[in-house]
Amino acid sequence: ERSPYSDVIRLTAADLIAIGNGGTRQIATIPAGGAVSLCAVIESVAVVGSTSLVVNIGTTLADPDEFIDALDVDAMTTGLPSFNTGDVFVQAAGTTTIAGGYLPKAAASASTPVYIKVTDAAVASITAGEIIVGLEILDLAQYLA
C-alpha cells in the first residue's frame, strides 16, 4: 500500500525530553523546488507525566507553526491524528479550513529545514509517550534536466 508520506518521524518520550521546553529539532528538509502538501501528527503512545505538551511544526526556527500550530499533544485522543492546522494551511485564524483544498504550501527555492518545537515546562517529567509526524513533501524539481 502506497503511503502519501515522504517523511515519517517518530519521537519518543526520550526524544521530547531531549528537545526540551522551548527547544527545536530539525525533522525534515524541503528540497529546492519542493513544497509541503500534508502534515499530520498522531499520538501513538499516550503521553504520561505532563498535561501541557504542545508542539509546532514548520520552517521558521523561532516559531515553526506553518504546518502544525500549537497542537496540545497530551489532550489528543491516542490514535487520532491532527492534520494541517498551521498558519499556511488554515484559511483564517481559528479555523481548520484548508486554503484552496489540495494546495501545496511553503514552496522552497532553496533547501529548507522543517522544525518541530516543543513547549512544555514539565517535559522533563514525561515518563512515556510517542508521537509520529507524517509529511508529504513534493519534489518536482528532482526531474529537472
N, C-alpha and C. Protein backbone atom coordinates (compact mmCIF):
# COMPACT_ATOMS: atom_id res chain seq x y z
N GLU A 1 0.84 -1.17 0.00
CA GLU A 1 0.00 0.00 0.00
C GLU A 1 0.89 1.24 0.00
N ARG A 2 0.60 2.16 -0.91
CA ARG A 2 1.39 3.38 -1.04
C ARG A 2 0.97 4.40 0.01
N SER A 3 1.94 4.94 0.71
CA SER A 3 1.69 5.97 1.71
C SER A 3 1.85 7.34 1.06
N PRO A 4 1.02 8.31 1.46
CA PRO A 4 1.21 9.66 0.93
C PRO A 4 2.41 10.37 1.57
N TYR A 5 2.96 9.80 2.61
CA TYR A 5 4.02 10.47 3.35
C TYR A 5 5.39 10.19 2.75
N SER A 6 6.14 11.24 2.49
CA SER A 6 7.52 11.09 2.03
C SER A 6 8.46 11.00 3.22
N ASP A 7 8.06 11.58 4.35
CA ASP A 7 8.88 11.60 5.56
C ASP A 7 8.00 11.24 6.76
N VAL A 8 8.45 10.28 7.55
CA VAL A 8 7.75 9.89 8.77
C VAL A 8 8.77 9.94 9.91
N ILE A 9 8.44 10.71 10.95
CA ILE A 9 9.36 10.94 12.05
C ILE A 9 8.69 10.46 13.33
N ARG A 10 9.36 9.56 14.04
CA ARG A 10 8.85 9.02 15.30
C ARG A 10 9.65 9.67 16.44
N LEU A 11 8.93 10.30 17.37
CA LEU A 11 9.57 10.95 18.51
C LEU A 11 9.06 10.29 19.79
N THR A 12 9.97 9.67 20.53
CA THR A 12 9.63 9.01 21.78
C THR A 12 9.65 10.02 22.93
N ALA A 13 9.25 9.55 24.11
CA ALA A 13 9.32 10.40 25.30
C ALA A 13 10.75 10.90 25.50
N ALA A 14 11.74 10.02 25.29
CA ALA A 14 13.14 10.43 25.45
C ALA A 14 13.52 11.51 24.45
N ASP A 15 13.02 11.42 23.22
CA ASP A 15 13.30 12.45 22.21
C ASP A 15 12.70 13.79 22.61
N LEU A 16 11.46 13.76 23.10
CA LEU A 16 10.79 15.00 23.51
C LEU A 16 11.52 15.65 24.68
N ILE A 17 11.97 14.83 25.63
CA ILE A 17 12.75 15.36 26.77
C ILE A 17 14.05 15.97 26.27
N ALA A 18 14.71 15.30 25.31
CA ALA A 18 15.98 15.81 24.77
C ALA A 18 15.79 17.14 24.04
N ILE A 19 14.68 17.31 23.34
CA ILE A 19 14.40 18.58 22.66
C ILE A 19 14.22 19.67 23.71
N GLY A 20 13.50 19.36 24.78
CA GLY A 20 13.37 20.28 25.91
C GLY A 20 12.33 21.36 25.72
N ASN A 21 11.97 22.01 26.82
CA ASN A 21 11.00 23.09 26.81
C ASN A 21 11.52 24.28 26.01
N GLY A 22 10.79 24.65 24.97
CA GLY A 22 11.19 25.76 24.12
C GLY A 22 12.23 25.39 23.08
N GLY A 23 12.61 24.12 23.03
CA GLY A 23 13.63 23.67 22.09
C GLY A 23 13.06 23.29 20.74
N THR A 24 13.93 23.29 19.75
CA THR A 24 13.54 22.88 18.39
C THR A 24 14.50 21.81 17.89
N ARG A 25 14.02 21.01 16.95
CA ARG A 25 14.85 20.00 16.29
C ARG A 25 14.44 19.94 14.83
N GLN A 26 15.42 19.86 13.95
CA GLN A 26 15.11 19.68 12.54
C GLN A 26 14.65 18.23 12.33
N ILE A 27 13.50 18.07 11.66
CA ILE A 27 12.95 16.74 11.45
C ILE A 27 12.88 16.34 9.98
N ALA A 28 13.03 17.31 9.08
CA ALA A 28 12.96 17.01 7.65
C ALA A 28 13.55 18.19 6.88
N THR A 29 13.62 18.03 5.56
CA THR A 29 14.10 19.10 4.68
C THR A 29 13.21 19.16 3.45
N ILE A 30 12.78 20.37 3.12
CA ILE A 30 12.09 20.60 1.86
C ILE A 30 13.18 20.90 0.84
N PRO A 31 13.30 20.10 -0.22
CA PRO A 31 14.37 20.36 -1.19
C PRO A 31 14.07 21.59 -2.03
N ALA A 32 15.08 22.16 -2.62
CA ALA A 32 14.89 23.28 -3.55
C ALA A 32 13.90 22.83 -4.62
N GLY A 33 12.89 23.64 -4.86
CA GLY A 33 11.85 23.29 -5.82
C GLY A 33 10.73 22.46 -5.22
N GLY A 34 10.80 22.18 -3.93
CA GLY A 34 9.79 21.35 -3.27
C GLY A 34 8.76 22.17 -2.52
N ALA A 35 7.79 21.49 -1.95
CA ALA A 35 6.74 22.11 -1.15
C ALA A 35 6.12 21.05 -0.25
N VAL A 36 5.33 21.48 0.73
CA VAL A 36 4.65 20.56 1.65
C VAL A 36 3.16 20.59 1.34
N SER A 37 2.57 19.41 1.17
CA SER A 37 1.13 19.35 0.90
C SER A 37 0.35 18.73 2.05
N LEU A 38 1.05 18.09 3.00
CA LEU A 38 0.36 17.43 4.10
C LEU A 38 1.29 17.33 5.30
N CYS A 39 0.76 17.66 6.47
CA CYS A 39 1.48 17.47 7.71
C CYS A 39 0.49 16.93 8.74
N ALA A 40 0.81 15.79 9.31
CA ALA A 40 -0.07 15.16 10.29
C ALA A 40 0.73 14.76 11.52
N VAL A 41 0.06 14.79 12.67
CA VAL A 41 0.67 14.35 13.93
C VAL A 41 -0.32 13.40 14.59
N ILE A 42 0.21 12.28 15.07
CA ILE A 42 -0.61 11.34 15.81
C ILE A 42 0.12 10.98 17.10
N GLU A 43 -0.62 10.92 18.19
CA GLU A 43 -0.07 10.44 19.45
C GLU A 43 -0.23 8.92 19.41
N SER A 44 0.87 8.22 19.17
CA SER A 44 0.81 6.76 19.02
C SER A 44 0.87 6.05 20.36
N VAL A 45 1.50 6.67 21.35
CA VAL A 45 1.53 6.18 22.73
C VAL A 45 1.17 7.36 23.61
N ALA A 46 0.21 7.18 24.49
CA ALA A 46 -0.27 8.28 25.33
C ALA A 46 0.87 8.90 26.14
N VAL A 47 0.87 10.23 26.21
CA VAL A 47 1.87 10.96 26.99
C VAL A 47 1.51 10.82 28.47
N VAL A 48 2.51 10.43 29.26
CA VAL A 48 2.34 10.28 30.70
C VAL A 48 3.35 11.17 31.39
N GLY A 49 2.92 11.91 32.41
CA GLY A 49 3.83 12.73 33.19
C GLY A 49 3.72 14.21 32.91
N SER A 50 2.89 14.59 31.93
CA SER A 50 2.70 16.00 31.63
C SER A 50 1.28 16.20 31.12
N THR A 51 0.73 17.35 31.42
CA THR A 51 -0.58 17.73 30.89
C THR A 51 -0.49 19.03 30.10
N SER A 52 0.72 19.35 29.63
CA SER A 52 0.90 20.63 28.94
C SER A 52 1.82 20.55 27.72
N LEU A 53 1.91 19.38 27.08
CA LEU A 53 2.81 19.21 25.93
C LEU A 53 2.19 19.79 24.66
N VAL A 54 2.85 20.80 24.11
CA VAL A 54 2.39 21.46 22.89
C VAL A 54 3.52 21.41 21.87
N VAL A 55 3.18 21.12 20.59
CA VAL A 55 4.19 21.12 19.53
C VAL A 55 3.74 22.02 18.39
N ASN A 56 4.73 22.60 17.73
CA ASN A 56 4.57 23.36 16.50
C ASN A 56 5.49 22.74 15.47
N ILE A 57 5.07 22.75 14.20
CA ILE A 57 5.91 22.23 13.12
C ILE A 57 5.87 23.21 11.97
N GLY A 58 7.06 23.56 11.46
CA GLY A 58 7.14 24.48 10.34
C GLY A 58 8.57 24.80 9.97
N THR A 59 8.75 25.88 9.25
CA THR A 59 10.06 26.22 8.70
C THR A 59 10.74 27.41 9.37
N THR A 60 10.04 28.12 10.26
CA THR A 60 10.63 29.27 10.94
C THR A 60 11.21 28.80 12.26
N LEU A 61 12.52 28.87 12.41
CA LEU A 61 13.19 28.32 13.58
C LEU A 61 12.62 28.86 14.89
N ALA A 62 12.40 30.16 14.99
CA ALA A 62 11.94 30.76 16.25
C ALA A 62 10.49 30.36 16.58
N ASP A 63 9.65 30.21 15.56
CA ASP A 63 8.25 29.87 15.77
C ASP A 63 7.75 29.02 14.60
N PRO A 64 8.13 27.76 14.57
CA PRO A 64 7.78 26.91 13.43
C PRO A 64 6.33 26.44 13.48
N ASP A 65 5.41 27.28 13.03
CA ASP A 65 3.99 26.92 13.12
C ASP A 65 3.27 26.96 11.78
N GLU A 66 4.03 26.88 10.70
CA GLU A 66 3.42 26.94 9.38
C GLU A 66 2.56 25.71 9.07
N PHE A 67 2.94 24.53 9.56
CA PHE A 67 2.25 23.30 9.20
C PHE A 67 1.36 22.76 10.32
N ILE A 68 1.83 22.83 11.54
CA ILE A 68 1.05 22.47 12.74
C ILE A 68 1.25 23.59 13.74
N ASP A 69 0.15 24.14 14.25
CA ASP A 69 0.24 25.29 15.14
C ASP A 69 -0.35 24.96 16.50
N ALA A 70 0.48 25.03 17.54
CA ALA A 70 0.06 24.90 18.94
C ALA A 70 -0.81 23.67 19.20
N LEU A 71 -0.33 22.52 18.75
CA LEU A 71 -1.06 21.27 18.95
C LEU A 71 -0.85 20.76 20.37
N ASP A 72 -1.93 20.66 21.13
CA ASP A 72 -1.89 20.19 22.51
C ASP A 72 -1.87 18.66 22.48
N VAL A 73 -0.67 18.10 22.47
CA VAL A 73 -0.50 16.66 22.24
C VAL A 73 -1.13 15.83 23.35
N ASP A 74 -0.90 16.19 24.59
CA ASP A 74 -1.42 15.35 25.68
C ASP A 74 -2.94 15.37 25.74
N ALA A 75 -3.59 16.33 25.10
CA ALA A 75 -5.05 16.38 25.06
C ALA A 75 -5.61 15.60 23.87
N MET A 76 -4.73 15.11 22.98
CA MET A 76 -5.17 14.36 21.81
C MET A 76 -5.74 13.00 22.24
N THR A 77 -6.60 12.46 21.41
CA THR A 77 -7.04 11.09 21.58
C THR A 77 -5.98 10.21 20.93
N THR A 78 -5.40 9.30 21.70
CA THR A 78 -4.36 8.42 21.17
C THR A 78 -4.90 7.69 19.94
N GLY A 79 -4.13 7.75 18.85
CA GLY A 79 -4.51 7.09 17.62
C GLY A 79 -5.34 7.93 16.67
N LEU A 80 -5.70 9.15 17.07
CA LEU A 80 -6.49 10.04 16.22
C LEU A 80 -5.61 11.21 15.77
N PRO A 81 -5.25 11.27 14.48
CA PRO A 81 -4.32 12.30 14.02
C PRO A 81 -4.94 13.68 13.87
N SER A 82 -4.06 14.67 13.83
CA SER A 82 -4.42 16.05 13.54
C SER A 82 -3.68 16.45 12.27
N PHE A 83 -4.37 17.13 11.36
CA PHE A 83 -3.80 17.44 10.05
C PHE A 83 -3.78 18.95 9.78
N ASN A 84 -2.67 19.43 9.20
CA ASN A 84 -2.59 20.74 8.55
C ASN A 84 -3.24 21.89 9.32
N THR A 85 -2.90 22.06 10.59
CA THR A 85 -3.51 23.13 11.40
C THR A 85 -2.66 24.40 11.43
N GLY A 86 -1.55 24.41 10.71
CA GLY A 86 -0.63 25.53 10.76
C GLY A 86 -1.06 26.75 9.97
N ASP A 87 -0.31 27.82 10.16
CA ASP A 87 -0.63 29.12 9.59
C ASP A 87 -0.77 29.13 8.06
N VAL A 88 0.04 28.36 7.35
CA VAL A 88 -0.05 28.40 5.88
C VAL A 88 -1.19 27.55 5.34
N PHE A 89 -1.75 26.68 6.18
CA PHE A 89 -2.84 25.82 5.72
C PHE A 89 -4.23 26.36 6.06
N VAL A 90 -4.38 27.02 7.18
CA VAL A 90 -5.73 27.46 7.58
C VAL A 90 -6.14 28.71 6.80
N GLN A 91 -7.41 28.80 6.54
CA GLN A 91 -7.93 29.91 5.76
C GLN A 91 -7.97 31.20 6.58
N ALA A 92 -8.32 31.08 7.85
CA ALA A 92 -8.38 32.24 8.74
C ALA A 92 -8.03 31.77 10.14
N ALA A 93 -7.57 32.67 10.95
CA ALA A 93 -7.20 32.31 12.32
C ALA A 93 -8.37 31.62 13.02
N GLY A 94 -8.06 30.51 13.68
CA GLY A 94 -9.07 29.81 14.46
C GLY A 94 -9.89 28.80 13.68
N THR A 95 -9.61 28.63 12.39
CA THR A 95 -10.35 27.63 11.62
C THR A 95 -9.39 26.56 11.16
N THR A 96 -9.92 25.44 10.73
CA THR A 96 -9.07 24.38 10.17
C THR A 96 -9.44 24.14 8.71
N THR A 97 -10.03 25.14 8.07
CA THR A 97 -10.37 25.02 6.67
C THR A 97 -9.11 25.21 5.83
N ILE A 98 -8.81 24.25 4.99
CA ILE A 98 -7.62 24.33 4.15
C ILE A 98 -7.83 25.42 3.10
N ALA A 99 -6.86 26.29 2.99
CA ALA A 99 -6.92 27.35 1.98
C ALA A 99 -6.75 26.74 0.60
N GLY A 100 -7.79 26.69 -0.20
CA GLY A 100 -7.69 26.22 -1.58
C GLY A 100 -7.71 24.71 -1.74
N GLY A 101 -8.17 23.95 -0.75
CA GLY A 101 -8.19 22.49 -0.90
C GLY A 101 -6.78 21.93 -0.92
N TYR A 102 -6.50 21.07 -1.89
CA TYR A 102 -5.17 20.48 -2.00
C TYR A 102 -4.26 21.50 -2.66
N LEU A 103 -3.54 22.24 -1.85
CA LEU A 103 -2.69 23.31 -2.35
C LEU A 103 -1.36 23.25 -1.60
N PRO A 104 -0.35 22.64 -2.20
CA PRO A 104 0.95 22.57 -1.52
C PRO A 104 1.43 23.96 -1.12
N LYS A 105 2.04 24.02 0.07
CA LYS A 105 2.47 25.29 0.63
C LYS A 105 3.96 25.26 0.92
N ALA A 106 4.50 26.41 1.24
CA ALA A 106 5.91 26.58 1.60
C ALA A 106 6.84 26.13 0.48
N ALA A 107 6.49 26.50 -0.75
CA ALA A 107 7.37 26.19 -1.88
C ALA A 107 8.74 26.81 -1.61
N ALA A 108 9.77 26.02 -1.85
CA ALA A 108 11.12 26.44 -1.47
C ALA A 108 12.00 26.59 -2.70
N SER A 109 12.67 27.74 -2.81
CA SER A 109 13.62 27.93 -3.91
C SER A 109 14.99 27.40 -3.52
N ALA A 110 15.20 27.18 -2.23
CA ALA A 110 16.45 26.59 -1.72
C ALA A 110 16.07 25.54 -0.68
N SER A 111 16.96 24.64 -0.42
CA SER A 111 16.75 23.62 0.60
C SER A 111 16.34 24.28 1.91
N THR A 112 15.23 23.83 2.50
CA THR A 112 14.65 24.49 3.68
C THR A 112 14.36 23.49 4.78
N PRO A 113 14.90 23.69 5.97
CA PRO A 113 14.63 22.76 7.08
C PRO A 113 13.20 22.86 7.59
N VAL A 114 12.69 21.74 8.07
CA VAL A 114 11.41 21.68 8.77
C VAL A 114 11.73 21.35 10.22
N TYR A 115 11.17 22.14 11.13
CA TYR A 115 11.47 22.00 12.56
C TYR A 115 10.23 21.59 13.35
N ILE A 116 10.47 20.94 14.48
CA ILE A 116 9.45 20.75 15.49
C ILE A 116 9.91 21.52 16.72
N LYS A 117 8.97 22.21 17.35
CA LYS A 117 9.25 22.94 18.59
C LYS A 117 8.39 22.36 19.69
N VAL A 118 9.00 22.11 20.84
CA VAL A 118 8.31 21.58 22.00
C VAL A 118 8.16 22.68 23.03
N THR A 119 6.94 22.86 23.52
CA THR A 119 6.71 23.80 24.61
C THR A 119 6.01 23.03 25.73
N ASP A 120 6.71 22.90 26.84
CA ASP A 120 6.15 22.16 27.98
C ASP A 120 7.09 22.33 29.17
N ALA A 121 6.67 23.10 30.15
CA ALA A 121 7.50 23.31 31.34
C ALA A 121 7.74 22.00 32.08
N ALA A 122 6.88 21.00 31.87
CA ALA A 122 7.01 19.72 32.57
C ALA A 122 7.59 18.62 31.67
N VAL A 123 8.21 19.00 30.55
CA VAL A 123 8.69 17.99 29.59
C VAL A 123 9.65 17.00 30.24
N ALA A 124 10.46 17.43 31.16
CA ALA A 124 11.41 16.53 31.82
C ALA A 124 10.72 15.48 32.69
N SER A 125 9.45 15.68 32.98
CA SER A 125 8.69 14.74 33.81
C SER A 125 7.97 13.66 32.99
N ILE A 126 8.04 13.75 31.68
CA ILE A 126 7.37 12.76 30.84
C ILE A 126 8.04 11.40 31.03
N THR A 127 7.23 10.39 31.32
CA THR A 127 7.75 9.03 31.55
C THR A 127 7.38 8.08 30.43
N ALA A 128 6.42 8.45 29.59
CA ALA A 128 6.01 7.62 28.46
C ALA A 128 5.34 8.51 27.43
N GLY A 129 5.27 8.00 26.23
CA GLY A 129 4.60 8.74 25.16
C GLY A 129 5.39 8.67 23.87
N GLU A 130 4.67 8.84 22.79
CA GLU A 130 5.31 8.83 21.47
C GLU A 130 4.39 9.54 20.50
N ILE A 131 4.98 10.37 19.65
CA ILE A 131 4.23 10.98 18.56
C ILE A 131 4.89 10.62 17.24
N ILE A 132 4.07 10.55 16.22
CA ILE A 132 4.57 10.31 14.87
C ILE A 132 4.13 11.49 14.02
N VAL A 133 5.08 12.05 13.27
CA VAL A 133 4.82 13.16 12.36
C VAL A 133 4.93 12.61 10.94
N GLY A 134 3.93 12.88 10.13
CA GLY A 134 3.98 12.50 8.72
C GLY A 134 3.95 13.74 7.85
N LEU A 135 4.88 13.80 6.92
CA LEU A 135 4.95 14.94 5.99
C LEU A 135 4.89 14.41 4.56
N GLU A 136 4.11 15.07 3.73
CA GLU A 136 4.17 14.80 2.29
C GLU A 136 4.90 15.99 1.68
N ILE A 137 6.16 15.75 1.33
CA ILE A 137 7.00 16.79 0.72
C ILE A 137 7.12 16.46 -0.76
N LEU A 138 6.64 17.38 -1.58
CA LEU A 138 6.70 17.20 -3.03
C LEU A 138 8.03 17.71 -3.54
N ASP A 139 8.56 17.04 -4.55
CA ASP A 139 9.87 17.41 -5.09
C ASP A 139 9.89 17.26 -6.61
N LEU A 140 9.11 18.09 -7.28
CA LEU A 140 9.05 18.02 -8.74
C LEU A 140 10.38 18.40 -9.38
N ALA A 141 11.15 19.25 -8.72
CA ALA A 141 12.42 19.72 -9.27
C ALA A 141 13.43 18.58 -9.47
N GLN A 142 13.20 17.44 -8.81
CA GLN A 142 14.14 16.32 -8.99
C GLN A 142 14.14 15.82 -10.44
N TYR A 143 13.13 16.19 -11.21
CA TYR A 143 13.04 15.74 -12.60
C TYR A 143 13.60 16.75 -13.60
N LEU A 144 14.15 17.87 -13.08
CA LEU A 144 14.77 18.85 -13.98
C LEU A 144 15.98 18.22 -14.67
N ALA A 145 16.16 18.58 -15.90
CA ALA A 145 17.31 18.03 -16.67
C ALA A 145 18.62 18.63 -16.22
